Amino acid sequence: MIMEKNNKIYWIYIGIIFLFLCLLTLLTNYYGSTDIASFASPAKYFAGDYQAKIRSSHSYLWGFINFPLVKLFNNLIGFKILNLIILGILIYSIYYISKKDKRALFLTLLSPIIWYMAPWINSIQIASLFFLWNYYFIEKYNKTNKIKYLFYSGIFLGLSISFWHAIFFLGAFYLIIFLYNKPLSHFFYYILFILSGLIPLMALDFYLFGFPFHSLIKNISGTILNNLGFGVYSDIRAIPKTLSVLLSFLLIIPVYFWVLLKKENFKKNKKIIIFLIGTILILLHNPQIRYLLLLVPIMILILIKTLNKNQIKKLIIISTIISLIIIIPYEIQIKYPTTNLEEFTLLIKNFPSFNISLENKDTIINQDLIQISKEYPNEIFLVGNNPDDYHRLADIYWGDNIKEFISIQDYNLYLKNSSTLVERTIRFSPLRINGRREFWISGGIGKPINDNTEYDKIDYAISLQGNFSLSEFNLIKKYEILYLYERV
């Protein structure tokens, strides 16, 4: 094995592999899929390159941190560079926490989840880094009961939640498992320490919205409502649990992880294994591969202490084979930007029906927008027919001759003289008592009441579908992909 070679050659191998990871990430046209706009759009907005009102399903913190890079490069490549640095720190952190076990370093660098996530401009990389250190310090706390380790763990867990709010739900599960047999006062200390880790998010929210808990309340409540089927996008965002989705998800988990369920191994790592198994079961409700970046680093740290030399060797070989398959879509997209094999799940789903093309639809749309902006400079454009089509055009467009893209959803609210997009009410009515009172909880989403858009002065509309749902706009020109309409 490579680990048995002399130290200099070993580090040369490590450097070559990481260099290849960097080159693949920077050369491929792939930037990720789910939630990418939630990070790219805020970064463009803060950089002054976003011609629309901003809307994100996540906090604005990751976009805010990346906006100087967007402004510097005038594209999204800075996201990839920063995430590569974070992945490098994550890999080294596993090496450090394992007491500089070279097997851990090599196994992490060849782990399928690392290669899968490398091109993604997502906040889960930095959230996973902080979560790993949270785990490191909670383990130290469990062994020593020292409050200082609980403090460090809480800070890192709070930072992790700041960048990826879904960890809030896993964090509740985490608290129960790791603190159930600890003094109650330590539980309250931990909550306070977590809140301290949330300070960067709360400071940004206070600056942007005047309310430090804006992102947490909005995104956590939205996640709950979507999972209960009451959200605006509940049906649209549901991930179909097809065989290809489940298979691709399970293949990313280290094959020897299941060895940890053996009685002798389980007893040594009971708390963390319960957390890992419980989290996997939770994630199977929405089995997206990217979520596993949170868990695999911890799995590797446990496996290194559990597996024998032969098992480690087999795990490295299997991980390498899966990683080589995972990067096939990314390699294809170095030359061919359009394909039905965008990432690993689609590679499994669409195999062997390959579909690749040199034609980049987003590039053509951007060219259409540039042409429209030359012919109709500094105009406001209504965009439909889908509510978030405006979002896509604002993400694609990198010019400054278009004043603003407006969602048809907001325009329809204007026509109805309404600001409420959706409203939900839960009522608690007396069932078996002749009560005089009941109470309810209401919440909703809508346009800001201080929206000063002059909807009555919008003269042009753009559609990607070849038709427009509002009869007061007539088609005046067809571009390569986009259709331009004018108010009659």
Protein backbone atom coordinates (compact mmCIF):
# COMPACT_ATOMS: atom_id res chain seq x y z
CA MET A 1 0.00 0.00 0.00
CA ILE A 2 1.03 3.61 -0.56
CA MET A 3 1.02 4.28 3.21
CA GLU A 4 3.90 1.84 3.56
CA LYS A 5 6.16 3.76 1.18
CA ASN A 6 8.56 6.39 2.40
CA ASN A 7 7.17 9.67 3.67
CA LYS A 8 8.26 11.86 0.75
CA ILE A 9 6.67 9.65 -1.91
CA TYR A 10 3.49 9.45 0.17
CA TRP A 11 3.08 13.23 0.26
CA ILE A 12 3.80 13.44 -3.46
CA TYR A 13 0.89 11.05 -4.07
CA ILE A 14 -1.34 13.14 -1.80
CA GLY A 15 -0.36 16.34 -3.62
CA ILE A 16 -1.01 14.84 -7.08
CA ILE A 17 -4.44 13.54 -6.09
CA PHE A 18 -5.49 16.86 -4.54
CA LEU A 19 -4.15 18.77 -7.58
CA PHE A 20 -6.29 16.59 -9.85
CA LEU A 21 -9.30 17.28 -7.60
CA CYS A 22 -8.68 21.02 -7.95
CA LEU A 23 -8.25 20.90 -11.73
CA LEU A 24 -11.40 18.82 -12.21
CA THR A 25 -13.39 21.22 -10.02
CA LEU A 26 -12.22 24.35 -11.78
CA LEU A 27 -12.46 22.98 -15.34
CA THR A 28 -15.88 21.33 -15.22
CA ASN A 29 -18.91 23.46 -16.14
CA TYR A 30 -20.85 21.84 -13.31
CA TYR A 31 -21.59 24.01 -10.25
CA GLY A 32 -24.11 21.79 -8.51
CA SER A 33 -27.88 21.56 -8.73
CA THR A 34 -30.13 21.74 -5.64
CA ASP A 35 -30.17 25.12 -3.82
CA ILE A 36 -27.29 26.53 -5.88
CA ALA A 37 -29.24 29.72 -6.64
CA SER A 38 -29.82 30.19 -2.91
CA PHE A 39 -26.09 30.84 -2.53
CA ALA A 40 -25.12 32.28 -5.93
CA SER A 41 -27.95 34.83 -6.09
CA PRO A 42 -27.17 36.53 -2.76
CA ALA A 43 -23.47 36.66 -3.68
CA LYS A 44 -24.34 38.34 -6.99
CA TYR A 45 -26.78 40.66 -5.20
CA PHE A 46 -24.25 41.84 -2.62
CA ALA A 47 -21.68 42.24 -5.41
CA GLY A 48 -24.13 44.52 -7.29
CA ASP A 49 -24.55 42.10 -10.21
CA TYR A 50 -28.13 40.93 -9.58
CA GLN A 51 -30.91 42.74 -11.45
CA ALA A 52 -33.86 41.50 -9.39
CA LYS A 53 -35.28 41.33 -5.91
CA ILE A 54 -33.44 38.73 -3.89
CA ARG A 55 -35.07 35.56 -2.58
CA SER A 56 -33.24 32.67 -0.93
CA SER A 57 -34.32 29.44 0.73
CA HIS A 58 -31.24 29.62 2.96
CA SER A 59 -29.49 32.27 5.00
CA TYR A 60 -27.60 35.01 3.17
CA LEU A 61 -24.41 34.37 5.14
CA TRP A 62 -22.60 32.15 2.63
CA GLY A 63 -23.50 34.45 -0.25
CA PHE A 64 -22.33 37.45 1.78
CA ILE A 65 -18.96 35.83 2.49
CA ASN A 66 -18.47 34.96 -1.19
CA PHE A 67 -19.60 38.25 -2.74
CA PRO A 68 -16.07 39.81 -2.82
CA LEU A 69 -14.93 36.81 -4.90
CA VAL A 70 -17.89 37.23 -7.26
CA LYS A 71 -17.02 40.91 -7.64
CA LEU A 72 -13.33 40.07 -8.20
CA PHE A 73 -13.84 37.36 -10.85
CA ASN A 74 -17.20 38.60 -12.22
CA ASN A 75 -18.38 34.97 -12.22
CA LEU A 76 -18.89 32.11 -9.76
CA ILE A 77 -15.42 30.53 -9.98
CA GLY A 78 -14.46 32.15 -6.66
CA PHE A 79 -17.08 29.98 -4.95
CA LYS A 80 -15.27 26.89 -6.20
CA ILE A 81 -11.87 28.16 -5.11
CA LEU A 82 -13.08 28.89 -1.58
CA ASN A 83 -14.87 25.54 -1.33
CA LEU A 84 -11.71 23.73 -2.46
CA ILE A 85 -9.83 25.46 0.34
CA ILE A 86 -12.54 24.40 2.80
CA LEU A 87 -12.46 20.81 1.53
CA GLY A 88 -8.68 20.84 1.93
CA ILE A 89 -9.07 22.01 5.54
CA LEU A 90 -11.75 19.34 6.12
CA ILE A 91 -9.45 16.61 4.80
CA TYR A 92 -6.54 17.84 6.92
CA SER A 93 -8.83 18.12 9.97
CA ILE A 94 -9.69 14.42 9.71
CA TYR A 95 -5.97 13.68 9.45
CA TYR A 96 -5.26 15.83 12.53
CA ILE A 97 -8.15 14.45 14.63
CA SER A 98 -7.04 10.88 13.78
CA LYS A 99 -3.69 11.79 15.39
CA LYS A 100 -2.11 12.17 11.97
CA ASP A 101 -2.98 8.68 10.80
CA LYS A 102 -1.98 8.65 7.13
CA ARG A 103 -4.60 6.03 6.39
CA ALA A 104 -7.30 8.52 7.43
CA LEU A 105 -5.83 11.20 5.17
CA PHE A 106 -5.59 8.88 2.18
CA LEU A 107 -9.03 7.37 2.72
CA THR A 108 -10.65 10.81 3.07
CA LEU A 109 -8.96 12.20 -0.03
CA LEU A 110 -10.25 9.24 -2.06
CA SER A 111 -13.70 9.27 -0.46
CA PRO A 112 -16.55 9.45 -3.02
CA ILE A 113 -18.32 12.23 -1.12
CA ILE A 114 -15.28 14.51 -1.44
CA TRP A 115 -15.16 14.08 -5.21
CA TYR A 116 -18.92 14.38 -5.51
CA MET A 117 -19.08 17.69 -3.61
CA ALA A 118 -15.89 19.29 -4.95
CA PRO A 119 -17.55 21.32 -7.79
CA TRP A 120 -20.65 22.31 -5.78
CA ILE A 121 -20.97 25.97 -4.76
CA ASN A 122 -22.82 25.01 -1.61
CA SER A 123 -22.61 25.93 2.07
CA ILE A 124 -22.63 22.31 3.21
CA GLN A 125 -18.84 22.08 2.84
CA ILE A 126 -18.15 24.73 5.48
CA ALA A 127 -21.06 23.49 7.62
CA SER A 128 -19.54 19.98 7.56
CA LEU A 129 -16.13 21.32 8.56
CA PHE A 130 -17.60 23.04 11.62
CA PHE A 131 -19.74 20.00 12.44
CA LEU A 132 -16.67 17.76 12.41
CA TRP A 133 -14.94 19.95 14.99
CA ASN A 134 -18.15 20.06 17.00
CA TYR A 135 -18.02 16.26 17.12
CA TYR A 136 -14.33 16.30 18.10
CA PHE A 137 -14.98 18.53 21.11
CA ILE A 138 -18.22 16.83 22.21
CA GLU A 139 -16.25 13.57 22.34
CA LYS A 140 -13.61 15.26 24.51
CA TYR A 141 -16.37 16.62 26.74
CA ASN A 142 -17.90 13.15 27.10
CA LYS A 143 -14.57 11.76 28.27
CA THR A 144 -13.65 14.60 30.65
CA ASN A 145 -16.89 16.47 31.48
CA LYS A 146 -14.92 19.70 31.11
CA ILE A 147 -17.11 22.70 30.29
CA LYS A 148 -14.46 24.23 28.02
CA TYR A 149 -14.90 21.36 25.55
CA LEU A 150 -18.68 21.78 25.70
CA PHE A 151 -18.13 25.46 24.91
CA TYR A 152 -15.99 24.70 21.84
CA SER A 153 -18.46 22.08 20.66
CA GLY A 154 -21.42 24.47 21.02
CA ILE A 155 -19.61 27.26 19.16
CA PHE A 156 -18.84 24.97 16.22
CA LEU A 157 -22.37 23.53 16.16
CA GLY A 158 -23.80 27.07 16.10
CA LEU A 159 -21.47 28.03 13.24
CA SER A 160 -22.52 24.89 11.37
CA ILE A 161 -26.22 25.77 11.77
CA SER A 162 -25.46 29.33 10.62
CA PHE A 163 -24.38 28.05 7.22
CA TRP A 164 -26.79 25.13 6.83
CA HIS A 165 -30.04 25.41 8.78
CA ALA A 166 -31.02 21.74 8.38
CA ILE A 167 -28.42 20.93 11.04
CA PHE A 168 -30.81 22.57 13.51
CA PHE A 169 -33.02 19.47 13.30
CA LEU A 170 -30.09 17.06 13.50
CA GLY A 171 -28.73 19.16 16.36
CA ALA A 172 -31.82 18.50 18.47
CA PHE A 173 -31.30 14.75 17.96
CA TYR A 174 -27.59 15.26 18.68
CA LEU A 175 -28.26 17.01 22.01
CA ILE A 176 -30.48 14.19 23.24
CA ILE A 177 -27.90 11.51 22.42
CA PHE A 178 -24.79 13.21 23.80
CA LEU A 179 -26.26 15.02 26.83
CA TYR A 180 -29.00 12.71 28.05
CA ASN A 181 -26.88 11.46 31.00
CA LYS A 182 -25.22 14.81 31.79
CA PRO A 183 -26.21 17.47 34.36
CA LEU A 184 -29.21 19.52 33.30
CA SER A 185 -27.20 22.70 33.76
CA HIS A 186 -24.80 21.51 31.05
CA PHE A 187 -27.72 21.26 28.63
CA PHE A 188 -28.57 24.93 29.16
CA TYR A 189 -24.90 25.88 28.92
CA TYR A 190 -24.74 24.07 25.58
CA ILE A 191 -27.77 25.95 24.24
CA LEU A 192 -26.08 29.22 25.24
CA PHE A 193 -22.83 28.17 23.55
CA ILE A 194 -24.72 27.23 20.36
CA LEU A 195 -26.35 30.67 20.34
CA SER A 196 -22.86 32.18 20.61
CA GLY A 197 -21.89 30.28 17.46
CA LEU A 198 -24.90 31.78 15.70
CA ILE A 199 -23.65 35.35 16.22
CA PRO A 200 -22.34 35.83 12.63
CA LEU A 201 -25.73 34.83 11.21
CA MET A 202 -27.68 36.90 13.72
CA ALA A 203 -25.47 39.94 13.14
CA LEU A 204 -26.05 39.76 9.37
CA ASP A 205 -29.79 39.22 9.84
CA PHE A 206 -30.00 42.18 12.20
CA TYR A 207 -28.21 44.34 9.63
CA LEU A 208 -30.37 43.17 6.71
CA PHE A 209 -33.76 42.76 8.38
CA GLY A 210 -33.54 44.42 11.78
CA PHE A 211 -34.29 41.05 13.40
CA PRO A 212 -31.46 38.66 14.40
CA PHE A 213 -33.53 35.45 14.14
CA HIS A 214 -35.01 36.18 10.71
CA SER A 215 -33.23 33.39 8.77
CA LEU A 216 -33.63 30.77 11.48
CA ILE A 217 -37.37 31.32 11.88
CA LYS A 218 -38.07 31.66 8.16
CA ASN A 219 -36.03 28.71 6.98
CA ILE A 220 -36.71 26.30 9.82
CA SER A 221 -40.46 26.94 9.73
CA GLY A 222 -40.36 26.65 5.93
CA THR A 223 -38.61 23.30 6.17
CA ILE A 224 -41.20 22.01 8.62
CA LEU A 225 -44.12 23.19 6.49
CA ASN A 226 -42.63 21.77 3.30
CA ASN A 227 -42.11 18.38 4.92
CA LEU A 228 -45.68 18.44 6.21
CA GLY A 229 -46.93 19.31 2.73
CA PHE A 230 -48.08 22.84 3.59
CA GLY A 231 -45.27 24.80 1.96
CA VAL A 232 -45.41 26.83 -1.24
CA TYR A 233 -43.02 24.44 -3.00
CA SER A 234 -43.74 21.20 -1.15
CA ASP A 235 -44.69 19.23 -4.26
CA ILE A 236 -42.10 20.84 -6.54
CA ARG A 237 -39.16 20.18 -4.24
CA ALA A 238 -39.99 16.62 -3.27
CA ILE A 239 -37.16 14.28 -4.23
CA PRO A 240 -38.56 11.09 -5.82
CA LYS A 241 -37.24 8.04 -3.98
CA THR A 242 -36.41 6.07 -7.10
CA LEU A 243 -34.02 3.13 -7.14
CA SER A 244 -31.30 5.27 -8.74
CA VAL A 245 -31.62 7.94 -6.02
CA LEU A 246 -31.47 5.42 -3.17
CA LEU A 247 -28.68 3.40 -4.79
CA SER A 248 -26.49 6.44 -5.44
CA PHE A 249 -27.08 7.64 -1.86
CA LEU A 250 -26.17 4.30 -0.26
CA LEU A 251 -23.09 3.80 -2.44
CA ILE A 252 -21.51 6.95 -0.99
CA ILE A 253 -21.60 5.54 2.54
CA PRO A 254 -18.30 3.68 3.24
CA VAL A 255 -19.03 0.00 2.69
CA TYR A 256 -17.46 -1.05 5.99
CA PHE A 257 -19.59 1.38 7.99
CA TRP A 258 -22.02 -1.44 8.67
CA VAL A 259 -19.25 -3.33 10.49
CA LEU A 260 -19.70 -0.78 13.26
CA LEU A 261 -23.08 -2.31 14.06
CA LYS A 262 -21.38 -5.44 15.40
CA LYS A 263 -21.86 -5.74 19.14
CA GLU A 264 -18.23 -5.18 20.14
CA ASN A 265 -17.88 -2.15 17.85
CA PHE A 266 -21.24 -0.67 18.77
CA LYS A 267 -20.42 -0.72 22.50
CA LYS A 268 -17.23 1.28 21.95
CA ASN A 269 -18.95 4.04 19.93
CA LYS A 270 -22.58 3.73 21.03
CA LYS A 271 -23.59 7.40 21.08
CA ILE A 272 -22.13 8.45 17.74
CA ILE A 273 -23.27 5.28 15.97
CA ILE A 274 -26.84 5.85 17.20
CA PHE A 275 -26.58 9.41 15.85
CA LEU A 276 -25.19 8.25 12.48
CA ILE A 277 -27.79 5.49 11.99
CA GLY A 278 -30.64 7.75 13.11
CA THR A 279 -29.47 10.53 10.80
CA ILE A 280 -29.20 8.16 7.83
CA LEU A 281 -32.77 7.02 8.46
CA ILE A 282 -33.91 10.66 8.62
CA LEU A 283 -32.05 11.49 5.41
CA LEU A 284 -33.65 8.57 3.57
CA HIS A 285 -36.82 10.69 3.61
CA ASN A 286 -34.97 13.05 1.25
CA PRO A 287 -31.87 11.08 0.13
CA GLN A 288 -29.62 13.72 -1.37
CA ILE A 289 -25.97 12.69 -1.60
CA ARG A 290 -24.63 16.07 -0.50
CA TYR A 291 -26.03 15.56 3.01
CA LEU A 292 -23.58 12.71 3.57
CA LEU A 293 -20.64 15.13 3.66
CA LEU A 294 -21.82 15.83 7.20
CA LEU A 295 -21.52 12.17 8.25
CA VAL A 296 -18.78 10.48 6.21
CA PRO A 297 -15.84 12.32 7.90
CA ILE A 298 -17.03 11.02 11.28
CA MET A 299 -17.52 7.53 9.84
CA ILE A 300 -13.94 7.52 8.55
CA LEU A 301 -12.56 8.52 11.96
CA ILE A 302 -14.37 5.61 13.62
CA LEU A 303 -13.52 3.10 10.88
CA ILE A 304 -9.79 3.90 11.07
CA LYS A 305 -9.83 2.75 14.69
CA THR A 306 -11.94 -0.33 13.93
CA LEU A 307 -10.85 -1.93 10.65
CA ASN A 308 -7.80 -4.11 10.15
CA LYS A 309 -5.10 -3.52 7.54
CA ASN A 310 -6.77 -5.70 4.90
CA GLN A 311 -10.17 -4.06 5.37
CA ILE A 312 -8.64 -0.58 5.08
CA LYS A 313 -6.96 -1.63 1.83
CA LYS A 314 -10.25 -2.96 0.42
CA LEU A 315 -12.10 0.19 1.51
CA ILE A 316 -9.55 2.39 -0.28
CA ILE A 317 -9.88 0.34 -3.47
CA ILE A 318 -13.70 0.39 -3.39
CA SER A 319 -13.76 4.13 -2.61
CA THR A 320 -11.38 4.84 -5.48
CA ILE A 321 -13.52 2.89 -7.96
CA ILE A 322 -16.72 4.68 -6.89
CA SER A 323 -14.94 8.07 -6.99
CA LEU A 324 -13.71 7.39 -10.53
CA ILE A 325 -17.31 6.68 -11.57
CA ILE A 326 -18.57 9.78 -9.75
CA ILE A 327 -16.26 12.13 -11.67
CA ILE A 328 -17.36 10.85 -15.11
CA PRO A 329 -20.19 13.43 -15.39
CA TYR A 330 -17.83 16.22 -14.33
CA GLU A 331 -15.24 15.17 -16.91
CA ILE A 332 -17.93 15.11 -19.61
CA GLN A 333 -18.95 18.65 -18.67
CA ILE A 334 -15.46 20.00 -19.18
CA LYS A 335 -16.13 19.88 -22.93
CA TYR A 336 -19.88 19.30 -23.15
CA PRO A 337 -21.80 21.75 -20.90
CA THR A 338 -25.20 20.18 -21.60
CA THR A 339 -25.85 16.55 -20.67
CA ASN A 340 -28.40 14.32 -18.98
CA LEU A 341 -25.55 12.93 -16.85
CA GLU A 342 -24.98 16.02 -14.72
CA GLU A 343 -24.04 14.14 -11.56
CA PHE A 344 -23.78 10.65 -10.06
CA THR A 345 -27.49 10.06 -9.43
CA LEU A 346 -28.38 10.98 -13.02
CA LEU A 347 -25.49 8.87 -14.30
CA ILE A 348 -27.06 5.82 -12.65
CA LYS A 349 -30.60 6.80 -13.64
CA ASN A 350 -29.89 7.53 -17.32
CA PHE A 351 -27.28 4.87 -18.00
CA PRO A 352 -26.77 3.87 -20.81
CA SER A 353 -28.90 6.56 -22.50
CA PHE A 354 -26.27 9.26 -22.84
CA ASN A 355 -27.19 12.71 -24.10
CA ILE A 356 -24.43 15.28 -24.47
CA SER A 357 -24.21 18.55 -26.38
CA LEU A 358 -21.79 21.42 -26.98
CA GLU A 359 -24.75 23.80 -26.80
CA ASN A 360 -24.99 25.58 -23.45
CA LYS A 361 -28.55 26.77 -22.95
CA ASP A 362 -27.63 29.25 -20.22
CA THR A 363 -24.98 30.82 -22.46
CA ILE A 364 -27.55 31.27 -25.23
CA ILE A 365 -30.04 32.79 -22.77
CA ASN A 366 -27.37 35.24 -21.59
CA GLN A 367 -26.66 36.21 -25.21
CA ASP A 368 -30.40 36.75 -25.75
CA LEU A 369 -30.54 38.96 -22.66
CA ILE A 370 -27.55 40.99 -23.80
CA GLN A 371 -29.23 41.54 -27.17
CA ILE A 372 -32.54 42.51 -25.51
CA SER A 373 -30.72 44.93 -23.21
CA LYS A 374 -29.11 46.62 -26.23
CA GLU A 375 -32.43 47.00 -28.03
CA TYR A 376 -34.41 47.97 -24.91
CA PRO A 377 -31.87 49.44 -22.45
CA ASN A 378 -32.61 50.16 -18.80
CA GLU A 379 -36.07 48.58 -18.88
CA ILE A 380 -37.93 46.56 -16.28
CA PHE A 381 -38.95 43.14 -17.62
CA LEU A 382 -41.78 41.00 -16.31
CA VAL A 383 -40.75 37.31 -16.46
CA GLY A 384 -43.01 34.25 -16.68
CA ASN A 385 -44.79 31.98 -16.83
CA ASN A 386 -43.27 30.15 -13.85
CA PRO A 387 -42.95 32.15 -10.61
CA ASP A 388 -39.17 31.69 -10.40
CA ASP A 389 -38.25 32.16 -14.08
CA TYR A 390 -37.16 35.69 -13.17
CA HIS A 391 -34.74 34.09 -10.69
CA ARG A 392 -33.11 32.05 -13.43
CA LEU A 393 -32.66 35.01 -15.77
CA ALA A 394 -31.20 37.15 -12.98
CA ASP A 395 -28.73 34.36 -12.14
CA ILE A 396 -27.66 33.94 -15.78
CA TYR A 397 -27.39 37.63 -16.71
CA TRP A 398 -24.08 39.38 -15.95
CA GLY A 399 -24.73 42.74 -17.62
CA ASP A 400 -25.95 46.06 -16.25
CA ASN A 401 -28.25 47.36 -19.02
CA ILE A 402 -31.36 45.68 -17.60
CA LYS A 403 -32.92 47.58 -14.73
CA GLU A 404 -34.79 44.70 -13.09
CA PHE A 405 -36.43 41.31 -13.66
CA ILE A 406 -39.88 41.03 -12.03
CA SER A 407 -41.61 37.75 -11.12
CA ILE A 408 -45.01 37.19 -12.72
CA GLN A 409 -46.10 35.92 -9.31
CA ASP A 410 -45.55 39.37 -7.76
CA TYR A 411 -47.25 41.03 -10.73
CA ASN A 412 -50.32 38.83 -10.29
CA LEU A 413 -50.46 39.84 -6.62
CA TYR A 414 -50.38 43.47 -7.74
CA LEU A 415 -53.29 42.82 -10.10
CA LYS A 416 -55.25 41.33 -7.20
CA ASN A 417 -54.26 44.24 -4.97
CA SER A 418 -52.82 41.72 -2.55
CA SER A 419 -49.47 41.14 -0.90
CA THR A 420 -50.14 37.64 0.46
CA LEU A 421 -48.77 34.72 -1.51
CA VAL A 422 -49.71 31.98 0.93
CA GLU A 423 -51.17 31.94 4.42
CA ARG A 424 -51.55 29.02 6.80
CA THR A 425 -53.58 28.89 10.00
CA ILE A 426 -53.61 26.15 12.64
CA ARG A 427 -56.70 26.35 14.86
CA PHE A 428 -57.12 24.62 18.21
CA SER A 429 -60.89 24.27 18.65
CA PRO A 430 -62.59 22.68 21.69
CA LEU A 431 -63.45 19.06 20.93
CA ARG A 432 -65.05 17.59 24.04
CA ILE A 433 -65.82 20.72 25.99
CA ASN A 434 -68.25 23.56 25.43
CA GLY A 435 -65.48 26.15 25.43
CA ARG A 436 -65.96 29.87 24.83
CA ARG A 437 -62.51 30.49 23.37
CA GLU A 438 -60.15 28.93 20.86
CA PHE A 439 -56.72 30.02 19.75
CA TRP A 440 -54.85 29.77 16.51
CA ILE A 441 -51.41 30.25 15.04
CA SER A 442 -51.07 31.95 11.67
CA GLY A 443 -48.18 32.55 9.33
CA GLY A 444 -47.63 33.42 5.73
CA ILE A 445 -45.40 34.54 2.88
CA GLY A 446 -45.96 37.52 0.68
CA LYS A 447 -44.53 40.58 -1.03
CA PRO A 448 -42.98 43.16 1.31
CA ILE A 449 -45.55 45.79 2.21
CA ASN A 450 -42.95 48.44 1.32
CA ASP A 451 -42.56 47.11 -2.24
CA ASN A 452 -42.18 50.26 -4.35
CA THR A 453 -42.07 48.58 -7.77
CA GLU A 454 -44.07 50.56 -10.35
CA TYR A 455 -45.93 47.59 -11.82
CA ASP A 456 -48.20 49.83 -13.90
CA LYS A 457 -45.16 51.12 -15.80
CA ILE A 458 -43.86 47.71 -16.90
CA ASP A 459 -44.01 47.70 -20.70
CA TYR A 460 -42.15 44.47 -21.58
CA ALA A 461 -42.23 40.83 -20.61
CA ILE A 462 -39.96 37.84 -21.27
CA SER A 463 -40.95 34.19 -21.47
CA LEU A 464 -38.94 30.99 -21.84
CA GLN A 465 -41.97 28.92 -22.89
CA GLY A 466 -43.08 30.53 -26.14
CA ASN A 467 -46.27 31.89 -24.66
CA PHE A 468 -47.26 34.33 -21.96
CA SER A 469 -50.16 33.89 -19.58
CA LEU A 470 -51.18 37.55 -19.45
CA SER A 471 -53.31 38.70 -22.40
CA GLU A 472 -52.25 42.37 -22.14
CA PHE A 473 -48.80 41.42 -23.49
CA ASN A 474 -48.28 40.53 -27.17
CA LEU A 475 -45.29 38.77 -28.70
CA ILE A 476 -43.03 41.19 -30.62
CA LYS A 477 -39.83 39.19 -31.14
CA LYS A 478 -38.44 35.67 -30.86
CA TYR A 479 -34.75 35.35 -29.94
CA GLU A 480 -32.70 32.13 -29.88
CA ILE A 481 -34.49 30.90 -26.76
CA LEU A 482 -36.33 33.83 -25.18
CA TYR A 483 -39.57 35.45 -26.30
CA LEU A 484 -40.11 39.19 -25.89
CA TYR A 485 -43.60 40.64 -25.30
CA GLU A 486 -44.89 44.20 -25.19
CA ARG A 487 -47.86 45.58 -23.32
CA VAL A 488 -50.71 46.46 -25.71
